Structure formats: structure tokens, C-alpha cells
C-alpha atoms as a PDB file:
ATOM      1  CA  MET A   1     -45.444 -55.619 -25.674  1.00  0.00           C
ATOM      2  CA  ASP A   2     -43.575 -52.459 -26.437  1.00  0.00           C
ATOM      3  CA  VAL A   3     -41.761 -52.281 -29.914  1.00  0.00           C
ATOM      4  CA  TRP A   4     -39.951 -49.049 -30.343  1.00  0.00           C
ATOM      5  CA  GLU A   5     -36.796 -47.587 -31.842  1.00  0.00           C
ATOM      6  CA  ARG A   6     -34.813 -44.356 -32.134  1.00  0.00           C
ATOM      7  CA  VAL A   7     -33.453 -43.562 -35.608  1.00  0.00           C
ATOM      8  CA  THR A   8     -31.292 -40.877 -37.141  1.00  0.00           C
ATOM      9  CA  TYR A   9     -32.181 -39.969 -40.707  1.00  0.00           C
ATOM     10  CA  GLU A  10     -30.151 -38.873 -43.733  1.00  0.00           C
ATOM     11  CA  TRP A  11     -32.127 -37.416 -46.612  1.00  0.00           C
ATOM     12  CA  THR A  12     -31.236 -36.623 -50.274  1.00  0.00           C
ATOM     13  CA  ASP A  13     -33.571 -35.972 -53.266  1.00  0.00           C
ATOM     14  CA  SER A  14     -33.917 -39.666 -53.948  1.00  0.00           C
ATOM     15  CA  VAL A  15     -32.805 -41.608 -50.829  1.00  0.00           C
ATOM     16  CA  VAL A  16     -33.946 -41.749 -47.165  1.00  0.00           C
ATOM     17  CA  ARG A  17     -31.633 -43.637 -44.960  1.00  0.00           C
ATOM     18  CA  GLY A  18     -32.208 -44.411 -41.297  1.00  0.00           C
ATOM     19  CA  VAL A  19     -29.619 -45.618 -38.787  1.00  0.00           C
ATOM     20  CA  LEU A  20     -30.873 -47.192 -35.623  1.00  0.00           C
ATOM     21  CA  THR A  21     -29.467 -45.574 -32.509  1.00  0.00           C
ATOM     22  CA  ASP A  22     -31.465 -47.477 -29.875  1.00  0.00           C
ATOM     23  CA  GLY A  23     -34.395 -49.931 -29.800  1.00  0.00           C
ATOM     24  CA  ARG A  24     -36.160 -52.796 -28.172  1.00  0.00           C
ATOM     25  CA  ILE A  25     -35.786 -55.535 -30.771  1.00  0.00           C
ATOM     26  CA  PHE A  26     -32.910 -54.652 -33.116  1.00  0.00           C
ATOM     27  CA  GLU A  27     -29.265 -53.833 -32.312  1.00  0.00           C
ATOM     28  CA  PRO A  28     -28.031 -50.285 -32.776  1.00  0.00           C
ATOM     29  CA  GLY A  29     -26.210 -49.620 -35.946  1.00  0.00           C
ATOM     30  CA  GLY A  30     -28.726 -51.350 -38.190  1.00  0.00           C
ATOM     31  CA  THR A  31     -29.905 -49.481 -41.165  1.00  0.00           C
ATOM     32  CA  PHE A  32     -32.765 -49.132 -43.710  1.00  0.00           C
ATOM     33  CA  GLU A  33     -32.868 -47.275 -46.952  1.00  0.00           C
ATOM     34  CA  PHE A  34     -35.649 -46.156 -49.331  1.00  0.00           C
ATOM     35  CA  ARG A  35     -34.623 -45.111 -52.855  1.00  0.00           C
ATOM     36  CA  VAL A  36     -36.859 -43.478 -55.412  1.00  0.00           C
ATOM     37  CA  GLU A  37     -36.137 -43.983 -59.135  1.00  0.00           C
ATOM     38  CA  PRO A  38     -38.040 -42.730 -62.128  1.00  0.00           C
ATOM     39  CA  HIS A  39     -40.222 -45.426 -63.832  1.00  0.00           C
ATOM     40  CA  GLY A  40     -42.252 -44.621 -66.858  1.00  0.00           C
ATOM     41  CA  ASP A  41     -44.546 -41.832 -65.998  1.00  0.00           C
ATOM     42  CA  GLY A  42     -44.118 -42.390 -62.261  1.00  0.00           C
ATOM     43  CA  SER A  43     -41.606 -43.615 -59.728  1.00  0.00           C
ATOM     44  CA  ARG A  44     -40.536 -46.860 -58.214  1.00  0.00           C
ATOM     45  CA  ILE A  45     -39.414 -47.217 -54.598  1.00  0.00           C
ATOM     46  CA  PHE A  46     -36.791 -49.699 -53.545  1.00  0.00           C
ATOM     47  CA  ASN A  47     -35.976 -50.664 -49.996  1.00  0.00           C
ATOM     48  CA  ASP A  48     -32.984 -52.247 -48.256  1.00  0.00           C
ATOM     49  CA  TYR A  49     -32.707 -53.430 -44.696  1.00  0.00           C
ATOM     50  CA  ASP A  50     -29.631 -54.414 -42.628  1.00  0.00           C
ATOM     51  CA  ARG A  51     -30.757 -55.110 -39.083  1.00  0.00           C
ATOM     52  CA  ARG A  52     -29.498 -57.387 -36.359  1.00  0.00           C
ATOM     53  CA  SER A  53     -31.981 -58.765 -33.965  1.00  0.00           C
ATOM     54  CA  LYS A  54     -31.463 -58.812 -30.320  1.00  0.00           C
ATOM     55  CA  THR A  55     -34.624 -60.676 -29.366  1.00  0.00           C
ATOM     56  CA  LEU A  56     -36.676 -63.538 -30.540  1.00  0.00           C
ATOM     57  CA  LEU A  57     -39.334 -61.085 -31.658  1.00  0.00           C
ATOM     58  CA  GLY A  58     -36.799 -59.281 -33.740  1.00  0.00           C
ATOM     59  CA  ARG A  59     -35.734 -62.551 -35.380  1.00  0.00           C
ATOM     60  CA  CYS A  60     -39.353 -63.341 -36.172  1.00  0.00           C
ATOM     61  CA  LEU A  61     -40.029 -59.899 -37.649  1.00  0.00           C
ATOM     62  CA  GLY A  62     -36.756 -60.076 -39.651  1.00  0.00           C
ATOM     63  CA  ALA A  63     -37.927 -63.436 -41.057  1.00  0.00           C
ATOM     64  CA  VAL A  64     -41.322 -62.076 -41.998  1.00  0.00           C
ATOM     65  CA  PHE A  65     -39.721 -59.153 -43.848  1.00  0.00           C
ATOM     66  CA  GLN A  66     -37.231 -61.547 -45.731  1.00  0.00           C
ATOM     67  CA  LEU A  67     -39.825 -64.179 -46.591  1.00  0.00           C
ATOM     68  CA  SER A  68     -42.513 -61.751 -47.740  1.00  0.00           C
ATOM     69  CA  GLY A  69     -40.167 -59.561 -49.798  1.00  0.00           C
ATOM     70  CA  GLY A  70     -40.934 -56.662 -47.479  1.00  0.00           C
ATOM     71  CA  ALA A  71     -44.717 -56.977 -48.051  1.00  0.00           C
ATOM     72  CA  PRO A  72     -45.627 -55.298 -44.700  1.00  0.00           C
ATOM     73  CA  ILE A  73     -43.651 -52.229 -45.627  1.00  0.00           C
ATOM     74  CA  LYS A  74     -45.091 -52.127 -49.207  1.00  0.00           C
ATOM     75  CA  ARG A  75     -48.613 -52.424 -47.782  1.00  0.00           C
ATOM     76  CA  THR A  76     -48.019 -49.495 -45.495  1.00  0.00           C
ATOM     77  CA  PHE A  77     -46.732 -47.447 -48.471  1.00  0.00           C
ATOM     78  CA  ARG A  78     -49.920 -48.300 -50.412  1.00  0.00           C
ATOM     79  CA  GLN A  79     -52.104 -47.319 -47.541  1.00  0.00           C
ATOM     80  CA  VAL A  80     -50.334 -43.926 -47.156  1.00  0.00           C
ATOM     81  CA  TYR A  81     -49.647 -43.032 -50.770  1.00  0.00           C
ATOM     82  CA  GLY A  82     -52.095 -45.237 -52.704  1.00  0.00           C
ATOM     83  CA  THR A  83     -51.663 -47.833 -55.336  1.00  0.00           C
ATOM     84  CA  PRO A  84     -49.193 -46.810 -58.154  1.00  0.00           C
ATOM     85  CA  ARG A  85     -50.801 -46.102 -61.492  1.00  0.00           C
END
């Protein structure tokens, strides 16, 4: 099964925002945003998602993200950037 999407990105010093332009499981126009804020001696990353499913798989993935509090995304960040200290 193919899962893909095309996204345009907007970057600032502390925010990355993506807008879905085309994809297999989510409707165009959906967004996601990552914000970085200072936290003690490091940083804290916040994420927001606003996506509309167009398939059953999209609804299932959306439910996983909602119920897990974004755990799959957080796990990916930890794999790439390491565990915060």
C-alpha cells in the first residue's frame, strides 16, 4: 500500500508549518505545525495537526495520532534527535 503526500513548507526561526497540497490518505489543505520553545537549558517541541481523512486508512492513522498524543511522531523525533536531557 502506498502512503504519500506532497507538502509545501513555511519556516521561521521557531516554527515549521506544512500545508498538504496532494496525497493518498488526507485531503488537500490539511496542516501540521511544529513549534520550538525554550525550556530550561534546552528546548521543547510542540506539534499541532489539522488533517481531514479521505480514506479509512487516513481515519485510522488520525485516530492513532489522537489517542496516542502523537507518540509515533515523538518516537521519530527521539530516533532522529535523541532523548532530551
